[in-house]
Amino acid sequence: MSNRILLVEDDTTLSMIISETLQRDGFDVLTAGDGEEGLRKFTRYGVDLIIADVMMPRMDGFEMGRKIRQISQNVPLLFLTAKSEIDDIVEGFELGANDYLKKPFKMLELIVRIKALLRRNIRDEDNRFEIGNYTLNLSTQMLSHPDKGNIELSLIEAKLLKELIVNVGHT
């Protein structure tokens, strides 16, 4: 199963270049053109990593990042932006970013950073369980379905569901 990346970038040309490059490198890429669409896709589809521009229409990347962090602390978030002032970088990290790459950038550097973030997050893979189209992430206590979105579970609900999934077919 390839890692799914959500790319939130309002520059359609840059989004296409990044998306095609990441797909050639074996990643499954979802794209969004602004923060609102990015947030919708994040809540609807399970993603392993988010790459987000900061300056976008409707909802900027920082606001989207804040909202994502209210939902999940675990999905890696990389800001890819022209905002290069130290105050912007600090704001990005303080709201929960795992990395911050300034434009212009080298594609190889972006790919290396993505792979490093995914390696750091690999422990979560041990906490993911699938049944049908549903994915349970025990770390985030989130049940995901590609069409129905995410459902936040209590810790007890998540642990109970994990036991049911692991023991399907056992009497």
N, C-alpha and C. Protein backbone atom coordinates (compact mmCIF):
# COMPACT_ATOMS: atom_id res chain seq x y z
N MET A 1 0.85 -1.18 0.00
CA MET A 1 0.00 0.00 0.00
C MET A 1 0.89 1.24 0.00
N SER A 2 0.73 2.12 -0.98
CA SER A 2 1.56 3.32 -1.06
C SER A 2 1.02 4.38 -0.11
N ASN A 3 1.93 5.25 0.31
CA ASN A 3 1.54 6.34 1.20
C ASN A 3 0.70 7.36 0.45
N ARG A 4 -0.37 7.81 1.09
CA ARG A 4 -1.24 8.82 0.49
C ARG A 4 -0.86 10.19 1.03
N ILE A 5 -0.59 11.11 0.11
CA ILE A 5 -0.20 12.47 0.44
C ILE A 5 -1.29 13.42 -0.02
N LEU A 6 -1.65 14.35 0.84
CA LEU A 6 -2.56 15.43 0.48
C LEU A 6 -1.71 16.66 0.18
N LEU A 7 -1.77 17.13 -1.06
CA LEU A 7 -1.03 18.32 -1.50
C LEU A 7 -2.02 19.46 -1.64
N VAL A 8 -1.84 20.51 -0.83
CA VAL A 8 -2.74 21.66 -0.85
C VAL A 8 -1.94 22.85 -1.38
N GLU A 9 -2.20 23.21 -2.63
CA GLU A 9 -1.42 24.25 -3.33
C GLU A 9 -2.32 24.94 -4.34
N ASP A 10 -2.38 26.27 -4.28
CA ASP A 10 -3.27 27.00 -5.20
C ASP A 10 -2.65 27.27 -6.56
N ASP A 11 -1.35 27.14 -6.71
CA ASP A 11 -0.69 27.29 -8.00
C ASP A 11 -0.84 25.97 -8.76
N THR A 12 -1.75 25.95 -9.74
CA THR A 12 -2.08 24.68 -10.41
C THR A 12 -0.89 24.06 -11.14
N THR A 13 -0.03 24.89 -11.72
CA THR A 13 1.13 24.36 -12.42
C THR A 13 2.08 23.68 -11.44
N LEU A 14 2.38 24.36 -10.35
CA LEU A 14 3.27 23.79 -9.33
C LEU A 14 2.65 22.53 -8.73
N SER A 15 1.36 22.57 -8.47
CA SER A 15 0.66 21.41 -7.91
C SER A 15 0.77 20.21 -8.84
N MET A 16 0.61 20.44 -10.14
CA MET A 16 0.70 19.37 -11.12
C MET A 16 2.12 18.79 -11.16
N ILE A 17 3.13 19.66 -11.14
CA ILE A 17 4.52 19.20 -11.18
C ILE A 17 4.85 18.36 -9.95
N ILE A 18 4.48 18.87 -8.78
CA ILE A 18 4.76 18.14 -7.54
C ILE A 18 4.00 16.82 -7.52
N SER A 19 2.73 16.86 -7.87
CA SER A 19 1.89 15.66 -7.85
C SER A 19 2.44 14.58 -8.78
N GLU A 20 2.77 14.96 -10.00
CA GLU A 20 3.29 13.98 -10.97
C GLU A 20 4.63 13.41 -10.50
N THR A 21 5.48 14.25 -9.94
CA THR A 21 6.78 13.78 -9.44
C THR A 21 6.59 12.79 -8.30
N LEU A 22 5.71 13.12 -7.37
CA LEU A 22 5.47 12.23 -6.23
C LEU A 22 4.83 10.92 -6.68
N GLN A 23 3.93 10.98 -7.66
CA GLN A 23 3.32 9.76 -8.17
C GLN A 23 4.36 8.87 -8.83
N ARG A 24 5.29 9.47 -9.58
CA ARG A 24 6.37 8.69 -10.19
C ARG A 24 7.25 8.05 -9.13
N ASP A 25 7.31 8.68 -7.96
CA ASP A 25 8.12 8.16 -6.87
C ASP A 25 7.34 7.15 -6.02
N GLY A 26 6.11 6.81 -6.45
CA GLY A 26 5.35 5.76 -5.80
C GLY A 26 4.32 6.22 -4.78
N PHE A 27 4.08 7.52 -4.68
CA PHE A 27 3.10 8.02 -3.73
C PHE A 27 1.73 8.16 -4.39
N ASP A 28 0.69 8.00 -3.61
CA ASP A 28 -0.68 8.26 -4.02
C ASP A 28 -0.96 9.71 -3.59
N VAL A 29 -1.33 10.58 -4.53
CA VAL A 29 -1.46 12.01 -4.23
C VAL A 29 -2.88 12.50 -4.45
N LEU A 30 -3.43 13.14 -3.42
CA LEU A 30 -4.69 13.88 -3.52
C LEU A 30 -4.31 15.35 -3.58
N THR A 31 -5.00 16.14 -4.41
CA THR A 31 -4.68 17.56 -4.49
C THR A 31 -5.90 18.40 -4.10
N ALA A 32 -5.59 19.58 -3.59
CA ALA A 32 -6.61 20.57 -3.25
C ALA A 32 -6.05 21.94 -3.59
N GLY A 33 -6.92 22.85 -4.04
CA GLY A 33 -6.48 24.17 -4.48
C GLY A 33 -6.55 25.27 -3.44
N ASP A 34 -7.12 24.97 -2.27
CA ASP A 34 -7.18 25.97 -1.20
C ASP A 34 -7.36 25.24 0.13
N GLY A 35 -7.26 25.99 1.22
CA GLY A 35 -7.34 25.39 2.54
C GLY A 35 -8.67 24.74 2.86
N GLU A 36 -9.76 25.34 2.39
CA GLU A 36 -11.09 24.74 2.65
C GLU A 36 -11.20 23.37 1.99
N GLU A 37 -10.80 23.30 0.72
CA GLU A 37 -10.85 22.01 0.01
C GLU A 37 -9.88 21.02 0.65
N GLY A 38 -8.72 21.51 1.07
CA GLY A 38 -7.75 20.65 1.75
C GLY A 38 -8.31 20.06 3.03
N LEU A 39 -8.97 20.88 3.82
CA LEU A 39 -9.57 20.41 5.07
C LEU A 39 -10.67 19.38 4.79
N ARG A 40 -11.49 19.64 3.77
CA ARG A 40 -12.54 18.68 3.39
C ARG A 40 -11.94 17.33 2.99
N LYS A 41 -10.90 17.38 2.16
CA LYS A 41 -10.29 16.12 1.71
C LYS A 41 -9.60 15.41 2.87
N PHE A 42 -9.00 16.16 3.78
CA PHE A 42 -8.36 15.54 4.94
C PHE A 42 -9.39 14.79 5.78
N THR A 43 -10.54 15.41 6.01
CA THR A 43 -11.55 14.76 6.85
C THR A 43 -12.25 13.62 6.13
N ARG A 44 -12.25 13.65 4.80
CA ARG A 44 -12.95 12.62 4.03
C ARG A 44 -12.08 11.40 3.76
N TYR A 45 -10.81 11.62 3.48
CA TYR A 45 -9.91 10.53 3.10
C TYR A 45 -8.80 10.40 4.14
N GLY A 46 -8.38 9.19 4.40
CA GLY A 46 -7.23 8.99 5.27
C GLY A 46 -5.96 9.35 4.51
N VAL A 47 -5.13 10.19 5.09
CA VAL A 47 -3.87 10.55 4.45
C VAL A 47 -2.72 10.29 5.41
N ASP A 48 -1.55 10.03 4.84
CA ASP A 48 -0.36 9.74 5.64
C ASP A 48 0.51 10.97 5.86
N LEU A 49 0.32 12.01 5.05
CA LEU A 49 1.13 13.22 5.15
C LEU A 49 0.43 14.34 4.40
N ILE A 50 0.60 15.56 4.89
CA ILE A 50 0.02 16.74 4.24
C ILE A 50 1.14 17.70 3.87
N ILE A 51 1.12 18.17 2.62
CA ILE A 51 2.00 19.25 2.17
C ILE A 51 1.09 20.42 1.87
N ALA A 52 1.38 21.58 2.47
CA ALA A 52 0.48 22.72 2.29
C ALA A 52 1.24 24.01 2.05
N ASP A 53 0.75 24.76 1.07
CA ASP A 53 1.18 26.14 0.88
C ASP A 53 0.56 26.94 2.01
N VAL A 54 1.06 28.14 2.25
CA VAL A 54 0.48 28.98 3.29
C VAL A 54 -0.47 30.01 2.69
N MET A 55 -0.01 30.73 1.68
CA MET A 55 -0.83 31.80 1.09
C MET A 55 -1.76 31.22 0.02
N MET A 56 -3.03 31.03 0.41
CA MET A 56 -4.02 30.46 -0.50
C MET A 56 -5.35 31.18 -0.29
N PRO A 57 -6.22 31.12 -1.30
CA PRO A 57 -7.54 31.75 -1.14
C PRO A 57 -8.43 30.96 -0.18
N ARG A 58 -9.51 31.58 0.24
CA ARG A 58 -10.56 31.01 1.10
C ARG A 58 -10.09 30.66 2.50
N MET A 59 -9.07 29.84 2.64
CA MET A 59 -8.50 29.52 3.95
C MET A 59 -7.01 29.31 3.75
N ASP A 60 -6.19 30.09 4.47
CA ASP A 60 -4.75 29.94 4.27
C ASP A 60 -4.25 28.65 4.93
N GLY A 61 -3.02 28.28 4.59
CA GLY A 61 -2.46 27.03 5.08
C GLY A 61 -2.31 26.97 6.58
N PHE A 62 -1.98 28.11 7.21
CA PHE A 62 -1.85 28.12 8.67
C PHE A 62 -3.19 27.82 9.34
N GLU A 63 -4.26 28.45 8.86
CA GLU A 63 -5.58 28.20 9.44
C GLU A 63 -6.00 26.75 9.21
N MET A 64 -5.75 26.24 8.01
CA MET A 64 -6.05 24.83 7.74
C MET A 64 -5.25 23.93 8.68
N GLY A 65 -3.97 24.26 8.87
CA GLY A 65 -3.12 23.48 9.77
C GLY A 65 -3.64 23.46 11.20
N ARG A 66 -4.10 24.63 11.67
CA ARG A 66 -4.68 24.69 13.02
C ARG A 66 -5.89 23.77 13.14
N LYS A 67 -6.75 23.81 12.13
CA LYS A 67 -7.96 22.98 12.16
C LYS A 67 -7.62 21.49 12.07
N ILE A 68 -6.63 21.17 11.27
CA ILE A 68 -6.20 19.77 11.16
C ILE A 68 -5.64 19.29 12.49
N ARG A 69 -4.87 20.13 13.17
CA ARG A 69 -4.29 19.75 14.46
C ARG A 69 -5.36 19.56 15.53
N GLN A 70 -6.52 20.20 15.37
CA GLN A 70 -7.62 19.96 16.30
C GLN A 70 -8.21 18.57 16.10
N ILE A 71 -8.06 18.05 14.88
CA ILE A 71 -8.59 16.73 14.54
C ILE A 71 -7.55 15.64 14.81
N SER A 72 -6.31 15.90 14.40
CA SER A 72 -5.26 14.89 14.51
C SER A 72 -3.93 15.55 14.83
N GLN A 73 -3.25 15.02 15.83
CA GLN A 73 -1.91 15.48 16.17
C GLN A 73 -0.84 14.66 15.45
N ASN A 74 -1.24 13.56 14.82
CA ASN A 74 -0.27 12.59 14.34
C ASN A 74 0.10 12.68 12.87
N VAL A 75 -0.78 13.16 12.02
CA VAL A 75 -0.45 13.18 10.59
C VAL A 75 0.64 14.23 10.36
N PRO A 76 1.75 13.84 9.71
CA PRO A 76 2.82 14.81 9.45
C PRO A 76 2.33 15.94 8.55
N LEU A 77 2.74 17.16 8.89
CA LEU A 77 2.35 18.37 8.16
C LEU A 77 3.60 19.13 7.76
N LEU A 78 3.78 19.32 6.45
CA LEU A 78 4.92 20.04 5.91
C LEU A 78 4.41 21.27 5.19
N PHE A 79 4.86 22.45 5.62
CA PHE A 79 4.50 23.66 4.90
C PHE A 79 5.53 23.90 3.81
N LEU A 80 5.04 24.18 2.60
CA LEU A 80 5.87 24.45 1.43
C LEU A 80 5.44 25.82 0.94
N THR A 81 6.24 26.86 1.23
CA THR A 81 5.74 28.21 1.03
C THR A 81 6.82 29.22 0.72
N ALA A 82 6.40 30.32 0.12
CA ALA A 82 7.30 31.45 -0.14
C ALA A 82 7.47 32.32 1.10
N LYS A 83 6.65 32.11 2.12
CA LYS A 83 6.74 32.90 3.35
C LYS A 83 7.99 32.44 4.11
N SER A 84 9.04 33.26 4.02
CA SER A 84 10.33 32.82 4.54
C SER A 84 10.83 33.64 5.73
N GLU A 85 10.01 34.56 6.23
CA GLU A 85 10.41 35.33 7.41
C GLU A 85 10.41 34.41 8.63
N ILE A 86 11.32 34.69 9.56
CA ILE A 86 11.43 33.84 10.74
C ILE A 86 10.12 33.77 11.52
N ASP A 87 9.38 34.88 11.57
CA ASP A 87 8.09 34.87 12.28
C ASP A 87 7.11 33.88 11.65
N ASP A 88 7.13 33.79 10.32
CA ASP A 88 6.25 32.84 9.62
C ASP A 88 6.66 31.40 9.92
N ILE A 89 7.96 31.15 9.90
CA ILE A 89 8.47 29.80 10.17
C ILE A 89 8.10 29.38 11.59
N VAL A 90 8.32 30.29 12.54
CA VAL A 90 7.99 30.01 13.95
C VAL A 90 6.49 29.73 14.09
N GLU A 91 5.66 30.55 13.44
CA GLU A 91 4.21 30.34 13.52
C GLU A 91 3.83 28.97 12.98
N GLY A 92 4.44 28.58 11.87
CA GLY A 92 4.15 27.27 11.29
C GLY A 92 4.47 26.13 12.24
N PHE A 93 5.65 26.19 12.84
CA PHE A 93 6.02 25.13 13.78
C PHE A 93 5.18 25.17 15.05
N GLU A 94 4.86 26.37 15.53
CA GLU A 94 4.08 26.48 16.76
C GLU A 94 2.66 25.94 16.59
N LEU A 95 2.10 26.02 15.40
CA LEU A 95 0.75 25.50 15.20
C LEU A 95 0.75 24.00 14.94
N GLY A 96 1.94 23.40 14.85
CA GLY A 96 2.00 21.95 14.76
C GLY A 96 2.65 21.37 13.52
N ALA A 97 3.31 22.20 12.71
CA ALA A 97 4.00 21.67 11.53
C ALA A 97 5.16 20.78 11.96
N ASN A 98 5.42 19.76 11.16
CA ASN A 98 6.56 18.89 11.39
C ASN A 98 7.77 19.33 10.59
N ASP A 99 7.53 20.10 9.53
CA ASP A 99 8.63 20.59 8.69
C ASP A 99 8.15 21.83 7.94
N TYR A 100 9.11 22.60 7.43
CA TYR A 100 8.81 23.87 6.76
C TYR A 100 9.87 24.04 5.68
N LEU A 101 9.45 24.04 4.43
CA LEU A 101 10.37 24.18 3.30
C LEU A 101 10.02 25.44 2.52
N LYS A 102 11.04 26.28 2.31
CA LYS A 102 10.81 27.56 1.64
C LYS A 102 10.93 27.42 0.12
N LYS A 103 10.04 28.11 -0.59
CA LYS A 103 10.12 28.20 -2.05
C LYS A 103 11.12 29.30 -2.39
N PRO A 104 11.87 29.17 -3.47
CA PRO A 104 11.96 28.01 -4.36
C PRO A 104 12.69 26.86 -3.66
N PHE A 105 12.41 25.65 -4.11
CA PHE A 105 12.97 24.46 -3.48
C PHE A 105 13.39 23.49 -4.56
N LYS A 106 14.20 22.53 -4.18
CA LYS A 106 14.60 21.45 -5.09
C LYS A 106 13.67 20.26 -4.83
N MET A 107 13.17 19.66 -5.89
CA MET A 107 12.23 18.55 -5.77
C MET A 107 12.84 17.39 -4.97
N LEU A 108 14.12 17.12 -5.17
CA LEU A 108 14.78 16.04 -4.44
C LEU A 108 14.74 16.31 -2.94
N GLU A 109 14.94 17.57 -2.55
CA GLU A 109 14.89 17.90 -1.12
C GLU A 109 13.49 17.65 -0.56
N LEU A 110 12.46 18.02 -1.31
CA LEU A 110 11.09 17.77 -0.87
C LEU A 110 10.85 16.28 -0.68
N ILE A 111 11.27 15.47 -1.63
CA ILE A 111 11.06 14.02 -1.55
C ILE A 111 11.80 13.43 -0.35
N VAL A 112 13.03 13.88 -0.12
CA VAL A 112 13.81 13.38 1.03
C VAL A 112 13.13 13.75 2.34
N ARG A 113 12.61 14.97 2.42
CA ARG A 113 11.91 15.40 3.64
C ARG A 113 10.63 14.59 3.85
N ILE A 114 9.90 14.33 2.77
CA ILE A 114 8.67 13.52 2.86
C ILE A 114 9.01 12.14 3.40
N LYS A 115 10.02 11.51 2.83
CA LYS A 115 10.39 10.16 3.27
C LYS A 115 10.83 10.15 4.73
N ALA A 116 11.55 11.18 5.15
CA ALA A 116 11.98 11.27 6.55
C ALA A 116 10.77 11.41 7.48
N LEU A 117 9.82 12.26 7.10
CA LEU A 117 8.62 12.43 7.92
C LEU A 117 7.81 11.14 8.01
N LEU A 118 7.72 10.43 6.91
CA LEU A 118 6.97 9.17 6.91
C LEU A 118 7.68 8.10 7.74
N ARG A 119 9.02 8.10 7.73
CA ARG A 119 9.76 7.15 8.57
C ARG A 119 9.49 7.42 10.04
N ARG A 120 9.48 8.69 10.41
CA ARG A 120 9.21 9.05 11.81
C ARG A 120 7.81 8.64 12.22
N ASN A 121 6.92 8.61 11.27
CA ASN A 121 5.51 8.33 11.56
C ASN A 121 5.17 6.85 11.39
N ILE A 122 6.17 6.03 11.06
CA ILE A 122 5.90 4.63 10.73
C ILE A 122 5.33 3.84 11.90
N ARG A 123 5.62 4.25 13.13
CA ARG A 123 5.09 3.55 14.29
C ARG A 123 3.57 3.53 14.28
N ASP A 124 2.96 4.54 13.64
CA ASP A 124 1.50 4.57 13.55
C ASP A 124 0.97 3.43 12.68
N GLU A 125 1.80 2.94 11.74
CA GLU A 125 1.35 1.85 10.88
C GLU A 125 1.00 0.62 11.71
N ASP A 126 1.72 0.42 12.82
CA ASP A 126 1.43 -0.71 13.69
C ASP A 126 0.10 -0.54 14.40
N ASN A 127 -0.44 0.65 14.37
CA ASN A 127 -1.70 0.94 15.05
C ASN A 127 -2.85 1.13 14.08
N ARG A 128 -2.69 0.66 12.83
CA ARG A 128 -3.76 0.77 11.84
C ARG A 128 -4.31 -0.61 11.53
N PHE A 129 -5.63 -0.67 11.49
CA PHE A 129 -6.32 -1.93 11.24
C PHE A 129 -7.40 -1.68 10.20
N GLU A 130 -7.51 -2.59 9.23
CA GLU A 130 -8.48 -2.42 8.16
C GLU A 130 -9.50 -3.54 8.17
N ILE A 131 -10.74 -3.16 7.88
CA ILE A 131 -11.82 -4.12 7.68
C ILE A 131 -12.74 -3.53 6.61
N GLY A 132 -12.87 -4.21 5.51
CA GLY A 132 -13.63 -3.67 4.38
C GLY A 132 -13.01 -2.35 3.94
N ASN A 133 -13.83 -1.33 3.76
CA ASN A 133 -13.35 -0.01 3.36
C ASN A 133 -13.00 0.87 4.55
N TYR A 134 -13.09 0.34 5.75
CA TYR A 134 -12.83 1.11 6.95
C TYR A 134 -11.39 0.92 7.42
N THR A 135 -10.80 1.99 7.93
CA THR A 135 -9.47 1.93 8.54
C THR A 135 -9.57 2.51 9.94
N LEU A 136 -9.11 1.75 10.92
CA LEU A 136 -9.05 2.21 12.30
C LEU A 136 -7.62 2.59 12.60
N ASN A 137 -7.40 3.83 13.02
CA ASN A 137 -6.09 4.27 13.48
C ASN A 137 -6.18 4.38 14.99
N LEU A 138 -5.56 3.43 15.67
CA LEU A 138 -5.63 3.38 17.13
C LEU A 138 -4.92 4.58 17.75
N SER A 139 -3.85 5.06 17.12
CA SER A 139 -3.11 6.21 17.66
C SER A 139 -3.96 7.46 17.72
N THR A 140 -4.75 7.69 16.68
CA THR A 140 -5.57 8.90 16.62
C THR A 140 -7.00 8.65 17.07
N GLN A 141 -7.33 7.37 17.34
CA GLN A 141 -8.69 6.98 17.72
C GLN A 141 -9.69 7.43 16.65
N MET A 142 -9.29 7.24 15.37
CA MET A 142 -10.10 7.68 14.25
C MET A 142 -10.46 6.49 13.37
N LEU A 143 -11.75 6.38 13.04
CA LEU A 143 -12.24 5.39 12.09
C LEU A 143 -12.50 6.12 10.79
N SER A 144 -11.86 5.68 9.70
CA SER A 144 -11.96 6.38 8.42
C SER A 144 -12.62 5.51 7.37
N HIS A 145 -13.39 6.15 6.51
CA HIS A 145 -14.02 5.50 5.36
C HIS A 145 -13.87 6.47 4.19
N PRO A 146 -13.47 5.99 3.00
CA PRO A 146 -13.23 6.90 1.88
C PRO A 146 -14.45 7.72 1.46
N ASP A 147 -15.65 7.20 1.65
CA ASP A 147 -16.85 7.94 1.24
C ASP A 147 -17.57 8.60 2.41
N LYS A 148 -17.43 8.05 3.59
CA LYS A 148 -18.18 8.54 4.74
C LYS A 148 -17.37 9.44 5.66
N GLY A 149 -16.07 9.57 5.40
CA GLY A 149 -15.23 10.46 6.20
C GLY A 149 -14.70 9.79 7.46
N ASN A 150 -14.37 10.62 8.45
CA ASN A 150 -13.75 10.15 9.69
C ASN A 150 -14.73 10.23 10.85
N ILE A 151 -14.60 9.29 11.75
CA ILE A 151 -15.38 9.29 12.99
C ILE A 151 -14.38 9.22 14.14
N GLU A 152 -14.44 10.19 15.04
CA GLU A 152 -13.57 10.18 16.20
C GLU A 152 -14.17 9.26 17.26
N LEU A 153 -13.35 8.36 17.79
CA LEU A 153 -13.81 7.39 18.78
C LEU A 153 -13.18 7.68 20.14
N SER A 154 -13.84 7.23 21.19
CA SER A 154 -13.21 7.28 22.51
C SER A 154 -12.13 6.21 22.54
N LEU A 155 -11.24 6.27 23.51
CA LEU A 155 -10.18 5.28 23.62
C LEU A 155 -10.76 3.87 23.80
N ILE A 156 -11.77 3.75 24.61
CA ILE A 156 -12.40 2.44 24.85
C ILE A 156 -13.06 1.93 23.57
N GLU A 157 -13.76 2.80 22.84
CA GLU A 157 -14.39 2.39 21.58
C GLU A 157 -13.34 1.92 20.58
N ALA A 158 -12.22 2.66 20.48
CA ALA A 158 -11.16 2.31 19.53
C ALA A 158 -10.54 0.96 19.89
N LYS A 159 -10.26 0.74 21.17
CA LYS A 159 -9.66 -0.53 21.60
C LYS A 159 -10.62 -1.70 21.38
N LEU A 160 -11.88 -1.49 21.67
CA LEU A 160 -12.88 -2.54 21.47
C LEU A 160 -13.01 -2.87 19.99
N LEU A 161 -13.07 -1.85 19.14
CA LEU A 161 -13.16 -2.08 17.70
C LEU A 161 -11.93 -2.81 17.18
N LYS A 162 -10.75 -2.46 17.68
CA LYS A 162 -9.52 -3.15 17.29
C LYS A 162 -9.63 -4.64 17.61
N GLU A 163 -10.10 -4.98 18.80
CA GLU A 163 -10.24 -6.39 19.19
C GLU A 163 -11.23 -7.11 18.27
N LEU A 164 -12.32 -6.44 17.92
CA LEU A 164 -13.30 -7.04 17.01
C LEU A 164 -12.70 -7.28 15.63
N ILE A 165 -11.93 -6.31 15.13
CA ILE A 165 -11.30 -6.44 13.80
C ILE A 165 -10.28 -7.57 13.81
N VAL A 166 -9.43 -7.59 14.82
CA VAL A 166 -8.37 -8.60 14.91
C VAL A 166 -8.96 -10.01 15.03
N ASN A 167 -10.11 -10.11 15.65
CA ASN A 167 -10.70 -11.43 15.90
C ASN A 167 -11.87 -11.77 14.99
N VAL A 168 -11.98 -11.10 13.84
CA VAL A 168 -13.05 -11.42 12.89
C VAL A 168 -12.93 -12.89 12.48
N GLY A 169 -14.04 -13.59 12.53
CA GLY A 169 -14.06 -14.98 12.11
C GLY A 169 -13.74 -15.97 13.21
N HIS A 170 -13.29 -15.49 14.35
CA HIS A 170 -13.02 -16.37 15.49
C HIS A 170 -14.27 -16.48 16.34
N THR A 171 -14.52 -17.67 16.85
CA THR A 171 -15.70 -17.84 17.71
C THR A 171 -15.31 -17.97 19.15
